[in-house]
PDB file of N, CA and C in Angstrom:
ATOM      1  N   MET A   1    -243.581 125.485 120.815  1.00  0.00           N
ATOM      2  CA  MET A   1    -242.468 126.422 120.747  1.00  0.00           C
ATOM      3  C   MET A   1    -241.656 126.124 119.487  1.00  0.00           C
ATOM      4  N   SER A   2    -241.357 127.159 118.741  1.00  0.00           N
ATOM      5  CA  SER A   2    -240.588 126.975 117.506  1.00  0.00           C
ATOM      6  C   SER A   2    -239.120 126.722 117.824  1.00  0.00           C
ATOM      7  N   ASP A   3    -238.410 126.223 116.830  1.00  0.00           N
ATOM      8  CA  ASP A   3    -236.974 125.983 117.002  1.00  0.00           C
ATOM      9  C   ASP A   3    -236.242 127.282 117.323  1.00  0.00           C
ATOM     10  N   ASP A   4    -236.644 128.371 116.654  1.00  0.00           N
ATOM     11  CA  ASP A   4    -236.011 129.667 116.910  1.00  0.00           C
ATOM     12  C   ASP A   4    -236.253 130.122 118.347  1.00  0.00           C
ATOM     13  N   ASP A   5    -237.478 129.902 118.843  1.00  0.00           N
ATOM     14  CA  ASP A   5    -237.800 130.269 120.224  1.00  0.00           C
ATOM     15  C   ASP A   5    -236.984 129.433 121.213  1.00  0.00           C
ATOM     16  N   GLU A   6    -236.859 128.143 120.902  1.00  0.00           N
ATOM     17  CA  GLU A   6    -236.092 127.259 121.772  1.00  0.00           C
ATOM     18  C   GLU A   6    -234.617 127.673 121.794  1.00  0.00           C
ATOM     19  N   LEU A   7    -234.067 128.002 120.620  1.00  0.00           N
ATOM     20  CA  LEU A   7    -232.673 128.452 120.570  1.00  0.00           C
ATOM     21  C   LEU A   7    -232.488 129.754 121.339  1.00  0.00           C
ATOM     22  N   ALA A   8    -233.433 130.665 121.191  1.00  0.00           N
ATOM     23  CA  ALA A   8    -233.346 131.940 121.913  1.00  0.00           C
ATOM     24  C   ALA A   8    -233.370 131.704 123.416  1.00  0.00           C
ATOM     25  N   MET A   9    -234.233 130.793 123.868  1.00  0.00           N
ATOM     26  CA  MET A   9    -234.305 130.477 125.292  1.00  0.00           C
ATOM     27  C   MET A   9    -232.999 129.847 125.781  1.00  0.00           C
ATOM     28  N   LEU A  10    -232.460 128.923 124.998  1.00  0.00           N
ATOM     29  CA  LEU A  10    -231.192 128.293 125.371  1.00  0.00           C
ATOM     30  C   LEU A  10    -230.071 129.328 125.434  1.00  0.00           C
ATOM     31  N   ARG A  11    -230.041 130.251 124.475  1.00  0.00           N
ATOM     32  CA  ARG A  11    -229.009 131.291 124.469  1.00  0.00           C
ATOM     33  C   ARG A  11    -229.122 132.194 125.698  1.00  0.00           C
ATOM     34  N   GLU A  12    -230.357 132.524 126.064  1.00  0.00           N
ATOM     35  CA  GLU A  12    -230.565 133.350 127.263  1.00  0.00           C
ATOM     36  C   GLU A  12    -230.070 132.626 128.509  1.00  0.00           C
ATOM     37  N   ARG A  13    -230.410 131.345 128.617  1.00  0.00           N
ATOM     38  CA  ARG A  13    -229.964 130.555 129.773  1.00  0.00           C
ATOM     39  C   ARG A  13    -228.444 130.413 129.786  1.00  0.00           C
ATOM     40  N   ALA A  14    -227.862 130.187 128.617  1.00  0.00           N
ATOM     41  CA  ALA A  14    -226.402 130.043 128.542  1.00  0.00           C
ATOM     42  C   ALA A  14    -225.711 131.351 128.927  1.00  0.00           C
ATOM     43  N   ALA A  15    -226.300 132.467 128.541  1.00  0.00           N
ATOM     44  CA  ALA A  15    -225.705 133.778 128.832  1.00  0.00           C
ATOM     45  C   ALA A  15    -225.615 134.064 130.325  1.00  0.00           C
ATOM     46  N   VAL A  16    -226.465 133.430 131.111  1.00  0.00           N
ATOM     47  CA  VAL A  16    -226.414 133.642 132.562  1.00  0.00           C
ATOM     48  C   VAL A  16    -225.721 132.483 133.278  1.00  0.00           C
ATOM     49  N   GLY A  17    -225.010 131.663 132.487  1.00  0.00           N
ATOM     50  CA  GLY A  17    -224.161 130.637 133.089  1.00  0.00           C
ATOM     51  C   GLY A  17    -224.763 129.256 133.217  1.00  0.00           C
ATOM     52  N   ASP A  18    -225.875 128.995 132.561  1.00  0.00           N
ATOM     53  CA  ASP A  18    -226.500 127.677 132.621  1.00  0.00           C
ATOM     54  C   ASP A  18    -225.693 126.707 131.758  1.00  0.00           C
ATOM     55  N   ARG A  19    -224.929 125.868 132.410  1.00  0.00           N
ATOM     56  CA  ARG A  19    -224.027 124.931 131.731  1.00  0.00           C
ATOM     57  C   ARG A  19    -224.790 123.947 130.835  1.00  0.00           C
ATOM     58  N   ASP A  20    -225.957 123.488 131.327  1.00  0.00           N
ATOM     59  CA  ASP A  20    -226.756 122.551 130.532  1.00  0.00           C
ATOM     60  C   ASP A  20    -227.207 123.190 129.225  1.00  0.00           C
ATOM     61  N   ALA A  21    -227.615 124.455 129.295  1.00  0.00           N
ATOM     62  CA  ALA A  21    -228.039 125.166 128.086  1.00  0.00           C
ATOM     63  C   ALA A  21    -226.868 125.319 127.123  1.00  0.00           C
ATOM     64  N   THR A  22    -225.705 125.642 127.662  1.00  0.00           N
ATOM     65  CA  THR A  22    -224.506 125.770 126.821  1.00  0.00           C
ATOM     66  C   THR A  22    -224.194 124.441 126.151  1.00  0.00           C
ATOM     67  N   ASP A  23    -224.258 123.367 126.921  1.00  0.00           N
ATOM     68  CA  ASP A  23    -223.981 122.045 126.365  1.00  0.00           C
ATOM     69  C   ASP A  23    -224.967 121.693 125.246  1.00  0.00           C
ATOM     70  N   GLN A  24    -226.247 122.030 125.442  1.00  0.00           N
ATOM     71  CA  GLN A  24    -227.245 121.764 124.411  1.00  0.00           C
ATOM     72  C   GLN A  24    -226.957 122.579 123.149  1.00  0.00           C
ATOM     73  N   LEU A  25    -226.587 123.839 123.341  1.00  0.00           N
ATOM     74  CA  LEU A  25    -226.267 124.682 122.185  1.00  0.00           C
ATOM     75  C   LEU A  25    -225.062 124.138 121.424  1.00  0.00           C
ATOM     76  N   VAL A  26    -224.051 123.695 122.156  1.00  0.00           N
ATOM     77  CA  VAL A  26    -222.858 123.126 121.512  1.00  0.00           C
ATOM     78  C   VAL A  26    -223.246 121.888 120.709  1.00  0.00           C
ATOM     79  N   GLU A  27    -224.064 121.037 121.303  1.00  0.00           N
ATOM     80  CA  GLU A  27    -224.486 119.817 120.620  1.00  0.00           C
ATOM     81  C   GLU A  27    -225.281 120.139 119.355  1.00  0.00           C
ATOM     82  N   LEU A  28    -226.244 121.049 119.474  1.00  0.00           N
ATOM     83  CA  LEU A  28    -227.054 121.419 118.315  1.00  0.00           C
ATOM     84  C   LEU A  28    -226.214 122.062 117.219  1.00  0.00           C
ATOM     85  N   ALA A  29    -225.309 122.949 117.613  1.00  0.00           N
ATOM     86  CA  ALA A  29    -224.455 123.626 116.635  1.00  0.00           C
ATOM     87  C   ALA A  29    -223.513 122.641 115.961  1.00  0.00           C
ATOM     88  N   GLY A  30    -222.990 121.704 116.720  1.00  0.00           N
ATOM     89  CA  GLY A  30    -222.102 120.695 116.147  1.00  0.00           C
ATOM     90  C   GLY A  30    -222.823 119.805 115.153  1.00  0.00           C
ATOM     91  N   GLU A  31    -224.057 119.397 115.507  1.00  0.00           N
ATOM     92  CA  GLU A  31    -224.837 118.536 114.624  1.00  0.00           C
ATOM     93  C   GLU A  31    -225.214 119.241 113.326  1.00  0.00           C
ATOM     94  N   SER A  32    -225.492 120.538 113.433  1.00  0.00           N
ATOM     95  CA  SER A  32    -225.920 121.276 112.242  1.00  0.00           C
ATOM     96  C   SER A  32    -224.762 121.940 111.505  1.00  0.00           C
ATOM     97  N   GLY A  33    -223.557 121.866 112.085  1.00  0.00           N
ATOM     98  CA  GLY A  33    -222.394 122.488 111.449  1.00  0.00           C
ATOM     99  C   GLY A  33    -222.428 123.997 111.519  1.00  0.00           C
ATOM    100  N   ASP A  34    -223.060 124.541 112.555  1.00  0.00           N
ATOM    101  CA  ASP A  34    -223.204 125.992 112.713  1.00  0.00           C
ATOM    102  C   ASP A  34    -221.929 126.592 113.320  1.00  0.00           C
ATOM    103  N   LEU A  35    -220.994 126.934 112.448  1.00  0.00           N
ATOM    104  CA  LEU A  35    -219.709 127.454 112.908  1.00  0.00           C
ATOM    105  C   LEU A  35    -219.855 128.795 113.617  1.00  0.00           C
ATOM    106  N   ASP A  36    -220.792 129.617 113.185  1.00  0.00           N
ATOM    107  CA  ASP A  36    -220.989 130.915 113.844  1.00  0.00           C
ATOM    108  C   ASP A  36    -221.416 130.732 115.295  1.00  0.00           C
ATOM    109  N   GLU A  37    -222.339 129.819 115.533  1.00  0.00           N
ATOM    110  CA  GLU A  37    -222.795 129.554 116.905  1.00  0.00           C
ATOM    111  C   GLU A  37    -221.646 128.996 117.736  1.00  0.00           C
ATOM    112  N   LEU A  38    -220.884 128.095 117.154  1.00  0.00           N
ATOM    113  CA  LEU A  38    -219.748 127.523 117.883  1.00  0.00           C
ATOM    114  C   LEU A  38    -218.701 128.587 118.198  1.00  0.00           C
ATOM    115  N   ARG A  39    -218.448 129.486 117.251  1.00  0.00           N
ATOM    116  CA  ARG A  39    -217.499 130.579 117.508  1.00  0.00           C
ATOM    117  C   ARG A  39    -217.978 131.452 118.664  1.00  0.00           C
ATOM    118  N   ARG A  40    -219.281 131.772 118.654  1.00  0.00           N
ATOM    119  CA  ARG A  40    -219.840 132.614 119.701  1.00  0.00           C
ATOM    120  C   ARG A  40    -219.723 131.936 121.063  1.00  0.00           C
ATOM    121  N   LEU A  41    -220.037 130.662 121.116  1.00  0.00           N
ATOM    122  CA  LEU A  41    -219.951 129.924 122.374  1.00  0.00           C
ATOM    123  C   LEU A  41    -218.503 129.781 122.836  1.00  0.00           C
ATOM    124  N   ALA A  42    -217.606 129.520 121.897  1.00  0.00           N
ATOM    125  CA  ALA A  42    -216.185 129.416 122.245  1.00  0.00           C
ATOM    126  C   ALA A  42    -215.665 130.753 122.774  1.00  0.00           C
ATOM    127  N   ALA A  43    -216.068 131.856 122.137  1.00  0.00           N
ATOM    128  CA  ALA A  43    -215.649 133.182 122.584  1.00  0.00           C
ATOM    129  C   ALA A  43    -216.179 133.495 123.977  1.00  0.00           C
ATOM    130  N   ALA A  44    -217.315 132.883 124.320  1.00  0.00           N
ATOM    131  CA  ALA A  44    -217.898 133.094 125.650  1.00  0.00           C
ATOM    132  C   ALA A  44    -217.270 132.182 126.690  1.00  0.00           C
ATOM    133  N   GLY A  45    -216.313 131.340 126.250  1.00  0.00           N
ATOM    134  CA  GLY A  45    -215.569 130.526 127.196  1.00  0.00           C
ATOM    135  C   GLY A  45    -215.853 129.041 127.184  1.00  0.00           C
ATOM    136  N   SER A  46    -216.652 128.567 126.253  1.00  0.00           N
ATOM    137  CA  SER A  46    -216.955 127.138 126.202  1.00  0.00           C
ATOM    138  C   SER A  46    -215.827 126.370 125.522  1.00  0.00           C
ATOM    139  N   SER A  47    -215.115 125.591 126.311  1.00  0.00           N
ATOM    140  CA  SER A  47    -214.038 124.781 125.744  1.00  0.00           C
ATOM    141  C   SER A  47    -214.608 123.657 124.873  1.00  0.00           C
ATOM    142  N   ASP A  48    -215.813 123.197 125.207  1.00  0.00           N
ATOM    143  CA  ASP A  48    -216.452 122.171 124.380  1.00  0.00           C
ATOM    144  C   ASP A  48    -216.761 122.720 122.994  1.00  0.00           C
ATOM    145  N   ALA A  49    -217.265 123.956 122.943  1.00  0.00           N
ATOM    146  CA  ALA A  49    -217.564 124.577 121.650  1.00  0.00           C
ATOM    147  C   ALA A  49    -216.285 124.743 120.844  1.00  0.00           C
ATOM    148  N   ALA A  50    -215.216 125.137 121.495  1.00  0.00           N
ATOM    149  CA  ALA A  50    -213.938 125.299 120.798  1.00  0.00           C
ATOM    150  C   ALA A  50    -213.469 123.958 120.236  1.00  0.00           C
ATOM    151  N   ALA A  51    -213.626 122.899 121.017  1.00  0.00           N
ATOM    152  CA  ALA A  51    -213.199 121.572 120.565  1.00  0.00           C
ATOM    153  C   ALA A  51    -214.006 121.115 119.356  1.00  0.00           C
ATOM    154  N   VAL A  52    -215.327 121.340 119.385  1.00  0.00           N
ATOM    155  CA  VAL A  52    -216.171 120.948 118.259  1.00  0.00           C
ATOM    156  C   VAL A  52    -215.843 121.804 117.033  1.00  0.00           C
ATOM    157  N   LEU A  53    -215.607 123.085 117.253  1.00  0.00           N
ATOM    158  CA  LEU A  53    -215.243 123.978 116.160  1.00  0.00           C
ATOM    159  C   LEU A  53    -213.956 123.508 115.492  1.00  0.00           C
ATOM    160  N   ILE A  54    -212.974 123.142 116.273  1.00  0.00           N
ATOM    161  CA  ILE A  54    -211.705 122.645 115.740  1.00  0.00           C
ATOM    162  C   ILE A  54    -211.926 121.334 114.985  1.00  0.00           C
ATOM    163  N   GLU A  55    -212.742 120.464 115.550  1.00  0.00           N
ATOM    164  CA  GLU A  55    -213.031 119.189 114.896  1.00  0.00           C
ATOM    165  C   GLU A  55    -213.695 119.407 113.532  1.00  0.00           C
ATOM    166  N   LEU A  56    -214.720 120.261 113.510  1.00  0.00           N
ATOM    167  CA  LEU A  56    -215.408 120.524 112.243  1.00  0.00           C
ATOM    168  C   LEU A  56    -214.484 121.203 111.230  1.00  0.00           C
ATOM    169  N   ALA A  57    -213.697 122.155 111.692  1.00  0.00           N
ATOM    170  CA  ALA A  57    -212.765 122.839 110.790  1.00  0.00           C
ATOM    171  C   ALA A  57    -211.759 121.844 110.221  1.00  0.00           C
ATOM    172  N   GLY A  58    -211.311 120.923 111.047  1.00  0.00           N
ATOM    173  CA  GLY A  58    -210.383 119.895 110.569  1.00  0.00           C
ATOM    174  C   GLY A  58    -211.018 118.979 109.548  1.00  0.00           C
ATOM    175  N   GLU A  59    -212.274 118.555 109.828  1.00  0.00           N
ATOM    176  CA  GLU A  59    -212.977 117.680 108.894  1.00  0.00           C
ATOM    177  C   GLU A  59    -213.195 118.366 107.554  1.00  0.00           C
ATOM    178  N   ARG A  60    -213.446 119.662 107.595  1.00  0.00           N
ATOM    179  CA  ARG A  60    -213.693 120.435 106.375  1.00  0.00           C
ATOM    180  C   ARG A  60    -212.404 120.949 105.743  1.00  0.00           C
ATOM    181  N   GLU A  61    -211.296 120.669 106.408  1.00  0.00           N
ATOM    182  CA  GLU A  61    -209.990 121.184 105.990  1.00  0.00           C
ATOM    183  C   GLU A  61    -210.048 122.698 105.800  1.00  0.00           C
ATOM    184  N   ASP A  62    -210.690 123.354 106.753  1.00  0.00           N
ATOM    185  CA  ASP A  62    -210.846 124.808 106.743  1.00  0.00           C
ATOM    186  C   ASP A  62    -209.598 125.424 107.394  1.00  0.00           C
ATOM    187  N   LEU A  63    -208.588 125.591 106.579  1.00  0.00           N
ATOM    188  CA  LEU A  63    -207.297 126.060 107.083  1.00  0.00           C
ATOM    189  C   LEU A  63    -207.378 127.474 107.647  1.00  0.00           C
ATOM    190  N   ASP A  64    -208.194 128.323 107.048  1.00  0.00           N
ATOM    191  CA  ASP A  64    -208.324 129.688 107.559  1.00  0.00           C
ATOM    192  C   ASP A  64    -208.888 129.685 108.981  1.00  0.00           C
ATOM    193  N   GLU A  65    -209.913 128.894 109.204  1.00  0.00           N
ATOM    194  CA  GLU A  65    -210.516 128.793 110.542  1.00  0.00           C
ATOM    195  C   GLU A  65    -209.496 128.258 111.539  1.00  0.00           C
ATOM    196  N   LEU A  66    -208.793 127.213 111.134  1.00  0.00           N
ATOM    197  CA  LEU A  66    -207.791 126.620 112.024  1.00  0.00           C
ATOM    198  C   LEU A  66    -206.664 127.606 112.316  1.00  0.00           C
ATOM    199  N   ARG A  67    -206.246 128.372 111.320  1.00  0.00           N
ATOM    200  CA  ARG A  67    -205.192 129.372 111.549  1.00  0.00           C
ATOM    201  C   ARG A  67    -205.647 130.442 112.539  1.00  0.00           C
ATOM    202  N   GLU A  68    -206.915 130.873 112.408  1.00  0.00           N
ATOM    203  CA  GLU A  68    -207.443 131.872 113.345  1.00  0.00           C
ATOM    204  C   GLU A  68    -207.463 131.326 114.765  1.00  0.00           C
ATOM    205  N   LEU A  69    -207.912 130.093 114.908  1.00  0.00           N
ATOM    206  CA  LEU A  69    -207.960 129.476 116.234  1.00  0.00           C
ATOM    207  C   LEU A  69    -206.558 129.269 116.796  1.00  0.00           C
ATOM    208  N   ALA A  70    -205.649 128.858 115.940  1.00  0.00           N
ATOM    209  CA  ALA A  70    -204.266 128.676 116.371  1.00  0.00           C
ATOM    210  C   ALA A  70    -203.641 130.002 116.786  1.00  0.00           C
ATOM    211  N   ALA A  71    -203.916 131.040 116.020  1.00  0.00           N
ATOM    212  CA  ALA A  71    -203.380 132.369 116.336  1.00  0.00           C
ATOM    213  C   ALA A  71    -203.934 132.894 117.654  1.00  0.00           C
ATOM    214  N   ALA A  72    -205.140 132.441 118.000  1.00  0.00           N
ATOM    215  CA  ALA A  72    -205.750 132.854 119.271  1.00  0.00           C
ATOM    216  C   ALA A  72    -205.216 132.027 120.433  1.00  0.00           C
ATOM    217  N   GLY A  73    -204.323 131.072 120.130  1.00  0.00           N
ATOM    218  CA  GLY A  73    -203.668 130.322 121.194  1.00  0.00           C
ATOM    219  C   GLY A  73    -204.105 128.884 121.366  1.00  0.00           C
ATOM    220  N   SER A  74    -204.940 128.367 120.478  1.00  0.00           N
ATOM    221  CA  SER A  74    -205.403 126.992 120.614  1.00  0.00           C
ATOM    222  C   SER A  74    -204.329 126.013 120.149  1.00  0.00           C
ATOM    223  N   GLU A  75    -203.814 125.252 121.098  1.00  0.00           N
ATOM    224  CA  GLU A  75    -202.819 124.240 120.755  1.00  0.00           C
ATOM    225  C   GLU A  75    -203.444 123.116 119.942  1.00  0.00           C
ATOM    226  N   ASP A  76    -204.714 122.794 120.238  1.00  0.00           N
ATOM    227  CA  ASP A  76    -205.394 121.750 119.470  1.00  0.00           C
ATOM    228  C   ASP A  76    -205.526 122.156 118.004  1.00  0.00           C
ATOM    229  N   ALA A  77    -205.886 123.414 117.763  1.00  0.00           N
ATOM    230  CA  ALA A  77    -205.984 123.903 116.388  1.00  0.00           C
ATOM    231  C   ALA A  77    -204.611 123.865 115.722  1.00  0.00           C
ATOM    232  N   GLN A  78    -203.573 124.201 116.468  1.00  0.00           N
ATOM    233  CA  GLN A  78    -202.217 124.141 115.918  1.00  0.00           C
ATOM    234  C   GLN A  78    -201.870 122.713 115.515  1.00  0.00           C
ATOM    235  N   ASP A  79    -202.259 121.743 116.362  1.00  0.00           N
ATOM    236  CA  ASP A  79    -201.978 120.341 116.067  1.00  0.00           C
ATOM    237  C   ASP A  79    -202.711 119.869 114.808  1.00  0.00           C
ATOM    238  N   VAL A  80    -203.996 120.209 114.702  1.00  0.00           N
ATOM    239  CA  VAL A  80    -204.778 119.806 113.531  1.00  0.00           C
ATOM    240  C   VAL A  80    -204.223 120.473 112.284  1.00  0.00           C
ATOM    241  N   LEU A  81    -203.890 121.746 112.404  1.00  0.00           N
ATOM    242  CA  LEU A  81    -203.317 122.476 111.277  1.00  0.00           C
ATOM    243  C   LEU A  81    -202.021 121.822 110.830  1.00  0.00           C
ATOM    244  N   ALA A  82    -201.190 121.435 111.778  1.00  0.00           N
ATOM    245  CA  ALA A  82    -199.929 120.778 111.444  1.00  0.00           C
ATOM    246  C   ALA A  82    -200.158 119.435 110.738  1.00  0.00           C
ATOM    247  N   GLU A  83    -201.225 118.717 111.145  1.00  0.00           N
ATOM    248  CA  GLU A  83    -201.544 117.459 110.491  1.00  0.00           C
ATOM    249  C   GLU A  83    -201.971 117.655 109.042  1.00  0.00           C
ATOM    250  N   LEU A  84    -202.652 118.774 108.783  1.00  0.00           N
ATOM    251  CA  LEU A  84    -203.189 119.020 107.451  1.00  0.00           C
ATOM    252  C   LEU A  84    -202.201 119.723 106.519  1.00  0.00           C
ATOM    253  N   THR A  85    -201.193 120.337 107.097  1.00  0.00           N
ATOM    254  CA  THR A  85    -200.211 121.088 106.295  1.00  0.00           C
ATOM    255  C   THR A  85    -198.813 120.785 106.807  1.00  0.00           C
ATOM    256  N   ASP A  86    -197.884 121.477 106.252  1.00  0.00           N
ATOM    257  CA  ASP A  86    -196.496 121.357 106.721  1.00  0.00           C
ATOM    258  C   ASP A  86    -196.115 122.511 107.624  1.00  0.00           C
ATOM    259  N   GLU A  87    -197.114 123.228 108.161  1.00  0.00           N
ATOM    260  CA  GLU A  87    -196.840 124.414 108.989  1.00  0.00           C
ATOM    261  C   GLU A  87    -196.397 124.017 110.364  1.00  0.00           C
TER     262      GLU A  87
END
């Protein structure tokens, strides 16, 4: 099975509520720095994906990403943003 096939299978399982599949996707996306995948998972309700997304955005000093997350109500993103700026 190719990596693309495995990811597609994990996404299908995650879409029907398979927590293990979601956790695997979050781990893979975090390791590869796949912000799009993390955004998608966070939008689907994964707090772990949101946490990893905030962590990566903070490490990259991606202020735009952090501002978007903060504007969406993430207190963690607000905290990281405050650490990186005077906002």
